[in-house]
Amino acid sequence: MRQLLLLLLILVPAAIYLGYVLSTGATAERLKRAPWVWLALAGVALYAAALATWALTGDPAGGEYIPPRLIDGEIVPPTHVPEGGAETGGVPGDVTEEE
């Protein structure tokens, strides 16, 4: 979901510009002369800002992510271990206490 949001950020400047042009009575010639390079650069700048924010803020819940793994021939789903708590993930409501 987060990746989709990041990709949509690239389109935001073009969508705003297109909305503005259409609301003022756009012509095909005006859309051809649109500043597409600048709109793309603005979208990439938004994308970079979002990635930087995500990298600097990190995981808001804290803890450690454990990716899917193979144990005894079975795929164990990914889990999230909070900083001082139990491992959660897989089946909703399934909690395994750490000893």
C-alpha atoms as a PDB file:
ATOM      1  CA  MET A   1       0.000   0.000   0.000  1.00  0.00           C
ATOM      2  CA  ARG A   2       2.818   2.375   0.875  1.00  0.00           C
ATOM      3  CA  GLN A   3       4.476   1.751  -2.504  1.00  0.00           C
ATOM      4  CA  LEU A   4       1.250   2.655  -4.302  1.00  0.00           C
ATOM      5  CA  LEU A   5       1.037   5.885  -2.328  1.00  0.00           C
ATOM      6  CA  LEU A   6       4.630   6.731  -3.230  1.00  0.00           C
ATOM      7  CA  LEU A   7       3.958   6.111  -6.914  1.00  0.00           C
ATOM      8  CA  LEU A   8       0.838   8.264  -6.806  1.00  0.00           C
ATOM      9  CA  LEU A   9       2.924  11.150  -5.443  1.00  0.00           C
ATOM     10  CA  ILE A  10       4.696  11.325  -8.797  1.00  0.00           C
ATOM     11  CA  LEU A  11       1.347  12.016 -10.488  1.00  0.00           C
ATOM     12  CA  VAL A  12       0.091  14.675  -8.045  1.00  0.00           C
ATOM     13  CA  PRO A  13       1.690  17.722  -9.749  1.00  0.00           C
ATOM     14  CA  ALA A  14       0.416  16.644 -13.180  1.00  0.00           C
ATOM     15  CA  ALA A  15      -3.067  15.999 -11.782  1.00  0.00           C
ATOM     16  CA  ILE A  16      -3.180  19.444 -10.158  1.00  0.00           C
ATOM     17  CA  TYR A  17      -1.997  21.113 -13.358  1.00  0.00           C
ATOM     18  CA  LEU A  18      -4.453  19.138 -15.476  1.00  0.00           C
ATOM     19  CA  GLY A  19      -7.296  20.110 -13.143  1.00  0.00           C
ATOM     20  CA  TYR A  20      -6.290  23.755 -13.402  1.00  0.00           C
ATOM     21  CA  VAL A  21      -6.028  23.671 -17.203  1.00  0.00           C
ATOM     22  CA  LEU A  22      -9.357  21.882 -17.617  1.00  0.00           C
ATOM     23  CA  SER A  23     -11.105  24.313 -15.258  1.00  0.00           C
ATOM     24  CA  THR A  24      -9.888  27.271 -17.306  1.00  0.00           C
ATOM     25  CA  GLY A  25     -11.051  25.857 -20.645  1.00  0.00           C
ATOM     26  CA  ALA A  26      -8.198  23.774 -21.998  1.00  0.00           C
ATOM     27  CA  THR A  27      -7.380  23.360 -25.618  1.00  0.00           C
ATOM     28  CA  ALA A  28      -5.387  20.533 -27.154  1.00  0.00           C
ATOM     29  CA  GLU A  29      -2.630  23.006 -28.032  1.00  0.00           C
ATOM     30  CA  ARG A  30      -2.373  24.189 -24.429  1.00  0.00           C
ATOM     31  CA  LEU A  31      -2.015  20.617 -23.180  1.00  0.00           C
ATOM     32  CA  LYS A  32       0.712  19.964 -25.763  1.00  0.00           C
ATOM     33  CA  ARG A  33       2.638  22.970 -24.454  1.00  0.00           C
ATOM     34  CA  ALA A  34       2.307  21.830 -20.829  1.00  0.00           C
ATOM     35  CA  PRO A  35       5.511  21.861 -18.771  1.00  0.00           C
ATOM     36  CA  TRP A  36       5.664  18.057 -18.581  1.00  0.00           C
ATOM     37  CA  VAL A  37       9.352  17.954 -17.624  1.00  0.00           C
ATOM     38  CA  TRP A  38       8.822  20.333 -14.710  1.00  0.00           C
ATOM     39  CA  LEU A  39       5.731  18.436 -13.596  1.00  0.00           C
ATOM     40  CA  ALA A  40       7.668  15.162 -13.674  1.00  0.00           C
ATOM     41  CA  LEU A  41      10.541  16.723 -11.713  1.00  0.00           C
ATOM     42  CA  ALA A  42       8.090  18.049  -9.118  1.00  0.00           C
ATOM     43  CA  GLY A  43       6.593  14.555  -8.801  1.00  0.00           C
ATOM     44  CA  VAL A  44      10.036  13.011  -8.359  1.00  0.00           C
ATOM     45  CA  ALA A  45      10.827  15.651  -5.720  1.00  0.00           C
ATOM     46  CA  LEU A  46       7.640  14.711  -3.816  1.00  0.00           C
ATOM     47  CA  TYR A  47       8.585  11.048  -4.110  1.00  0.00           C
ATOM     48  CA  ALA A  48      12.089  11.731  -2.749  1.00  0.00           C
ATOM     49  CA  ALA A  49      10.699  13.797   0.127  1.00  0.00           C
ATOM     50  CA  ALA A  50       8.296  11.006   1.059  1.00  0.00           C
ATOM     51  CA  LEU A  51      11.081   8.407   0.951  1.00  0.00           C
ATOM     52  CA  ALA A  52      13.329  10.603   3.099  1.00  0.00           C
ATOM     53  CA  THR A  53      10.543  11.111   5.633  1.00  0.00           C
ATOM     54  CA  TRP A  54       9.849   7.387   5.719  1.00  0.00           C
ATOM     55  CA  ALA A  55      13.557   6.601   6.170  1.00  0.00           C
ATOM     56  CA  LEU A  56      14.015   9.169   8.951  1.00  0.00           C
ATOM     57  CA  THR A  57      10.903   8.273  10.910  1.00  0.00           C
ATOM     58  CA  GLY A  58      11.369   4.511  10.554  1.00  0.00           C
ATOM     59  CA  ASP A  59       8.956   1.984  11.963  1.00  0.00           C
ATOM     60  CA  PRO A  60       6.517   3.879  14.206  1.00  0.00           C
ATOM     61  CA  ALA A  61       5.743   0.753  16.216  1.00  0.00           C
ATOM     62  CA  GLY A  62       9.412  -0.008  16.877  1.00  0.00           C
ATOM     63  CA  GLY A  63      10.585  -3.547  17.239  1.00  0.00           C
ATOM     64  CA  GLU A  64      11.896  -5.979  14.673  1.00  0.00           C
ATOM     65  CA  TYR A  65      10.387  -7.342  11.447  1.00  0.00           C
ATOM     66  CA  ILE A  66      11.030 -11.043  10.819  1.00  0.00           C
ATOM     67  CA  PRO A  67      10.486 -11.974   7.145  1.00  0.00           C
ATOM     68  CA  PRO A  68       8.780 -15.192   5.993  1.00  0.00           C
ATOM     69  CA  ARG A  69      10.948 -18.240   6.620  1.00  0.00           C
ATOM     70  CA  LEU A  70      11.005 -21.984   6.034  1.00  0.00           C
ATOM     71  CA  ILE A  71      10.874 -24.083   9.230  1.00  0.00           C
ATOM     72  CA  ASP A  72      10.519 -27.879   9.080  1.00  0.00           C
ATOM     73  CA  GLY A  73       9.364 -27.713   5.472  1.00  0.00           C
ATOM     74  CA  GLU A  74       6.590 -25.187   6.191  1.00  0.00           C
ATOM     75  CA  ILE A  75       6.528 -21.508   5.319  1.00  0.00           C
ATOM     76  CA  VAL A  76       6.096 -19.425   8.462  1.00  0.00           C
ATOM     77  CA  PRO A  77       4.423 -16.065   7.691  1.00  0.00           C
ATOM     78  CA  PRO A  78       6.200 -12.788   8.439  1.00  0.00           C
ATOM     79  CA  THR A  79       6.017 -11.530  12.005  1.00  0.00           C
ATOM     80  CA  HIS A  80       6.657  -8.357  13.939  1.00  0.00           C
ATOM     81  CA  VAL A  81       8.295  -8.459  17.356  1.00  0.00           C
ATOM     82  CA  PRO A  82       7.630  -5.287  19.364  1.00  0.00           C
ATOM     83  CA  GLU A  83      10.520  -3.928  21.429  1.00  0.00           C
ATOM     84  CA  GLY A  84       9.488  -5.511  24.701  1.00  0.00           C
ATOM     85  CA  GLY A  85       6.670  -7.797  23.698  1.00  0.00           C
ATOM     86  CA  ALA A  86       5.468 -10.914  22.026  1.00  0.00           C
ATOM     87  CA  GLU A  87       5.848 -12.035  18.432  1.00  0.00           C
ATOM     88  CA  THR A  88       2.729 -11.342  16.372  1.00  0.00           C
ATOM     89  CA  GLY A  89       1.782 -12.060  12.803  1.00  0.00           C
ATOM     90  CA  GLY A  90       0.548 -14.890  10.684  1.00  0.00           C
ATOM     91  CA  VAL A  91      -2.984 -15.551  11.902  1.00  0.00           C
ATOM     92  CA  PRO A  92      -4.837 -12.565  13.377  1.00  0.00           C
ATOM     93  CA  GLY A  93      -5.012 -12.887  17.132  1.00  0.00           C
ATOM     94  CA  ASP A  94      -2.179 -15.460  17.178  1.00  0.00           C
ATOM     95  CA  VAL A  95       0.329 -14.386  19.837  1.00  0.00           C
ATOM     96  CA  THR A  96       3.354 -16.390  20.937  1.00  0.00           C
ATOM     97  CA  GLU A  97       4.911 -15.315  24.226  1.00  0.00           C
ATOM     98  CA  GLU A  98       8.716 -15.054  24.364  1.00  0.00           C
ATOM     99  CA  GLU A  99      10.328 -16.663  27.404  1.00  0.00           C
END
